[in-house]
Amino acid sequence: MTAPKLFLAAAATAAALFAPAQAEAAAMLGSTSCSTSDLSVTATSCSGFYSGNLDSGRSSSLNDSAAIVNALLGTSYTGSTLPILESLPSLSGKNINFNTALYGQTLIAVHVGAAKGQSTGVGYQGTAFYLFDAGNLKGGLDTFTFNRAGLSNARLFATGVPTPAVPEPGTWMLLLVGFGFVGAVMRRRNRRPAQSLGFRADHLDARAAVVS
């Protein structure tokens, strides 16, 4: 091989070695859009449906999920740092019930099968992400429903913590009245010994006067 050809071959090899790696393809949106009314708890926003099962656990799915979660929450997770609080791998029907108590801002992903021929089906394997307010129910939000056909699995990425209940105005009034009553009783008890001693002294003076 001549020198020019050797040089060109070496240059091509070096270019291949040091060229930046091609980025993985991002999640592809399908033809069906999610809706904030897909859940029985009204979502504040949603993203999807993306083609395929992004709850699969594959590295590419985790990277795609992290990018979508970041867009919804304003975070900066990667596929390796994305928090997965709980996964429900085998679902059917309409109910979603995480063991984790849900409070406040909550983010989940739901994967569905095609459910072809059903009016509420997506028509292909797809995944959608939903951000909603789970409220501050005692014990947390338990079961809620998914209003589309083909429910397959769900994943929980974020939820809040319970906040202390603020007493109603009527409760504050009862507390104030109660404190006032306790204070009055305590003041009366503090005055009673002095009054009792005063009565006894007057009584002794009267008896002394009679005797004399």
Protein backbone atom coordinates (compact mmCIF):
# COMPACT_ATOMS: atom_id res chain seq x y z
CA MET A 1 0.00 0.00 0.00
CA THR A 2 1.41 3.38 -1.00
CA ALA A 3 2.09 6.14 1.54
CA PRO A 4 -0.87 8.34 0.49
CA LYS A 5 -3.26 5.38 0.85
CA LEU A 6 -1.81 4.51 4.26
CA PHE A 7 -2.25 8.10 5.37
CA LEU A 8 -5.90 8.19 4.22
CA ALA A 9 -6.66 4.88 5.93
CA ALA A 10 -5.12 6.08 9.19
CA ALA A 11 -7.06 9.34 9.00
CA ALA A 12 -10.34 7.48 8.43
CA THR A 13 -9.66 5.19 11.40
CA ALA A 14 -8.87 8.13 13.67
CA ALA A 15 -12.02 9.94 12.60
CA ALA A 16 -14.12 6.89 13.40
CA LEU A 17 -12.51 6.48 16.82
CA PHE A 18 -12.83 10.09 17.91
CA ALA A 19 -16.17 10.97 16.31
CA PRO A 20 -18.89 11.78 18.91
CA ALA A 21 -21.25 8.91 19.63
CA GLN A 22 -24.59 9.17 17.91
CA ALA A 23 -27.33 10.17 20.34
CA GLU A 24 -30.08 7.69 21.10
CA ALA A 25 -33.37 8.40 19.40
CA ALA A 26 -35.80 10.27 21.64
CA ALA A 27 -39.20 8.86 22.53
CA MET A 28 -41.57 9.10 19.59
CA LEU A 29 -45.04 10.53 20.03
CA GLY A 30 -47.76 8.41 18.53
CA SER A 31 -50.91 9.54 16.80
CA THR A 32 -53.07 9.59 19.96
CA SER A 33 -52.67 12.39 22.50
CA CYS A 34 -53.18 11.99 26.22
CA SER A 35 -55.79 14.06 28.03
CA THR A 36 -55.89 15.56 31.51
CA SER A 37 -59.23 13.76 31.92
CA ASP A 38 -57.71 10.30 31.36
CA LEU A 39 -57.58 9.89 35.17
CA SER A 40 -60.43 10.10 37.69
CA VAL A 41 -58.27 12.69 39.46
CA THR A 42 -57.95 15.58 37.03
CA ALA A 43 -54.37 15.97 35.85
CA THR A 44 -52.80 19.41 35.64
CA SER A 45 -50.74 18.31 32.63
CA CYS A 46 -49.84 15.20 30.65
CA SER A 47 -47.36 14.10 28.00
CA GLY A 48 -47.87 11.29 25.49
CA PHE A 49 -48.83 8.85 24.22
CA TYR A 50 -45.29 7.79 23.29
CA SER A 51 -44.84 4.71 21.17
CA GLY A 52 -43.79 1.61 23.08
CA ASN A 53 -43.47 0.74 26.74
CA LEU A 54 -41.33 3.37 28.49
CA ASP A 55 -41.90 1.51 31.77
CA SER A 56 -39.86 -1.45 30.52
CA GLY A 57 -36.70 -0.65 32.50
CA ARG A 58 -34.41 -0.64 29.45
CA SER A 59 -31.71 2.03 29.52
CA SER A 60 -33.16 3.77 26.47
CA SER A 61 -36.61 3.82 28.10
CA LEU A 62 -35.16 5.23 31.32
CA ASN A 63 -33.37 7.99 29.40
CA ASP A 64 -36.56 8.87 27.54
CA SER A 65 -38.57 8.81 30.78
CA ALA A 66 -36.03 11.08 32.48
CA ALA A 67 -36.30 13.63 29.67
CA ILE A 68 -40.11 13.65 29.91
CA VAL A 69 -40.09 13.87 33.72
CA ASN A 70 -37.63 16.77 33.50
CA ALA A 71 -39.94 18.61 31.11
CA LEU A 72 -42.92 18.18 33.44
CA LEU A 73 -41.17 18.88 36.76
CA GLY A 74 -38.32 21.16 35.75
CA THR A 75 -35.76 18.68 37.09
CA SER A 76 -32.48 17.44 35.61
CA TYR A 77 -32.54 13.66 36.05
CA THR A 78 -30.71 11.21 33.84
CA GLY A 79 -31.72 7.65 33.14
CA SER A 80 -29.47 6.45 35.97
CA THR A 81 -30.67 9.01 38.57
CA LEU A 82 -34.38 8.99 37.73
CA PRO A 83 -36.29 8.18 40.97
CA ILE A 84 -38.79 5.33 40.60
CA LEU A 85 -40.81 5.20 43.81
CA GLU A 86 -42.96 2.24 42.81
CA SER A 87 -43.89 0.12 39.80
CA LEU A 88 -47.10 -1.81 39.15
CA PRO A 89 -46.06 -4.29 36.44
CA SER A 90 -49.31 -6.18 35.80
CA LEU A 91 -52.53 -4.20 35.67
CA SER A 92 -55.89 -4.77 34.05
CA GLY A 93 -59.26 -3.13 34.20
CA LYS A 94 -59.28 0.53 35.20
CA ASN A 95 -58.02 0.79 38.79
CA ILE A 96 -54.56 2.04 39.75
CA ASN A 97 -53.61 1.53 43.40
CA PHE A 98 -50.05 2.24 44.50
CA ASN A 99 -48.93 1.01 47.92
CA THR A 100 -47.27 4.39 48.36
CA ALA A 101 -49.57 6.98 49.92
CA LEU A 102 -50.06 9.83 47.45
CA TYR A 103 -50.11 13.48 48.53
CA GLY A 104 -49.91 16.76 46.66
CA GLN A 105 -48.07 16.99 43.34
CA THR A 106 -47.79 13.47 41.94
CA LEU A 107 -46.27 12.21 38.68
CA ILE A 108 -46.98 8.81 37.15
CA ALA A 109 -46.50 7.03 33.84
CA VAL A 110 -49.10 4.64 32.44
CA HIS A 111 -48.49 2.07 29.73
CA VAL A 112 -51.36 0.72 27.67
CA GLY A 113 -51.79 -2.03 25.12
CA ALA A 114 -53.27 -1.34 21.72
CA ALA A 115 -56.87 -2.18 22.72
CA LYS A 116 -57.78 -2.04 19.04
CA GLY A 117 -61.46 -1.82 18.30
CA GLN A 118 -62.28 -0.25 21.67
CA SER A 119 -63.56 3.30 21.66
CA THR A 120 -61.20 4.41 24.44
CA GLY A 121 -58.19 2.45 23.16
CA VAL A 122 -55.02 4.19 22.03
CA GLY A 123 -54.59 1.88 19.05
CA TYR A 124 -50.94 0.99 19.70
CA GLN A 125 -48.57 0.15 22.56
CA GLY A 126 -48.09 3.51 24.23
CA THR A 127 -47.02 5.32 27.39
CA ALA A 128 -48.31 8.60 28.80
CA PHE A 129 -47.16 10.68 31.78
CA TYR A 130 -49.61 12.46 34.09
CA LEU A 131 -48.98 15.20 36.65
CA PHE A 132 -51.83 15.70 39.13
CA ASP A 133 -52.64 16.94 42.63
CA ALA A 134 -53.38 14.00 44.95
CA GLY A 135 -54.63 16.35 47.69
CA ASN A 136 -54.08 15.93 51.41
CA LEU A 137 -56.49 13.12 52.26
CA LYS A 138 -56.09 11.30 55.57
CA GLY A 139 -53.92 8.28 54.79
CA GLY A 140 -53.21 9.60 51.29
CA LEU A 141 -54.95 9.07 47.97
CA ASP A 142 -55.64 5.37 47.55
CA THR A 143 -57.27 4.08 44.37
CA PHE A 144 -58.01 6.12 41.27
CA THR A 145 -59.11 5.03 37.81
CA PHE A 146 -57.68 5.25 34.32
CA ASN A 147 -60.35 6.10 31.77
CA ARG A 148 -58.81 4.40 28.73
CA ALA A 149 -58.81 0.79 27.61
CA GLY A 150 -55.76 -1.46 27.64
CA LEU A 151 -54.21 -0.54 31.01
CA SER A 152 -51.06 -2.64 31.37
CA ASN A 153 -48.66 -1.15 33.94
CA ALA A 154 -47.94 2.04 35.85
CA ARG A 155 -44.96 3.71 37.46
CA LEU A 156 -44.73 6.34 40.21
CA PHE A 157 -41.98 8.97 39.88
CA ALA A 158 -42.93 11.64 42.41
CA THR A 159 -45.41 12.45 45.15
CA GLY A 160 -45.56 14.75 48.18
CA VAL A 161 -45.97 14.41 51.94
CA PRO A 162 -49.01 15.15 54.13
CA THR A 163 -49.36 18.68 55.47
CA PRO A 164 -50.79 19.40 58.95
CA ALA A 165 -54.46 20.30 58.89
CA VAL A 166 -55.28 23.95 59.69
CA PRO A 167 -58.10 24.25 62.28
CA GLU A 168 -61.35 25.79 61.06
CA PRO A 169 -62.38 29.21 62.50
CA GLY A 170 -65.04 27.51 64.61
CA THR A 171 -62.41 25.20 66.09
CA TRP A 172 -60.23 28.19 67.00
CA MET A 173 -63.20 29.79 68.80
CA LEU A 174 -63.84 26.63 70.81
CA LEU A 175 -60.16 26.47 71.76
CA LEU A 176 -60.15 30.11 72.89
CA VAL A 177 -63.33 29.64 74.94
CA GLY A 178 -61.85 26.52 76.49
CA PHE A 179 -58.62 28.28 77.42
CA GLY A 180 -60.60 31.18 78.89
CA PHE A 181 -62.70 28.85 81.01
CA VAL A 182 -59.60 27.05 82.32
CA GLY A 183 -57.98 30.39 83.15
CA ALA A 184 -61.06 31.59 85.07
CA VAL A 185 -61.16 28.37 87.10
CA MET A 186 -57.49 28.69 87.96
CA ARG A 187 -57.90 32.32 89.08
CA ARG A 188 -60.87 31.40 91.26
CA ARG A 189 -58.93 28.61 92.90
CA ASN A 190 -56.04 30.97 93.63
CA ARG A 191 -58.36 33.47 95.37
CA ARG A 192 -60.28 30.91 97.44
CA PRO A 193 -57.62 30.26 100.22
CA ALA A 194 -57.29 33.98 100.98
CA GLN A 195 -61.06 34.40 101.25
CA SER A 196 -61.30 31.33 103.48
CA LEU A 197 -58.57 32.62 105.81
CA GLY A 198 -60.23 36.03 106.02
CA PHE A 199 -63.56 34.49 107.02
CA ARG A 200 -61.96 32.42 109.74
CA ALA A 201 -60.12 35.44 111.19
CA ASP A 202 -63.34 37.49 111.31
CA HIS A 203 -65.13 34.58 112.95
CA LEU A 204 -62.45 34.30 115.67
CA ASP A 205 -62.62 38.05 116.34
CA ALA A 206 -66.39 37.80 116.79
CA ARG A 207 -66.07 34.90 119.24
CA ALA A 208 -63.43 36.79 121.20
CA ALA A 209 -65.75 39.79 121.52
CA VAL A 210 -68.58 37.59 122.86
CA VAL A 211 -66.32 35.96 125.44
CA SER A 212 -65.04 39.28 126.67
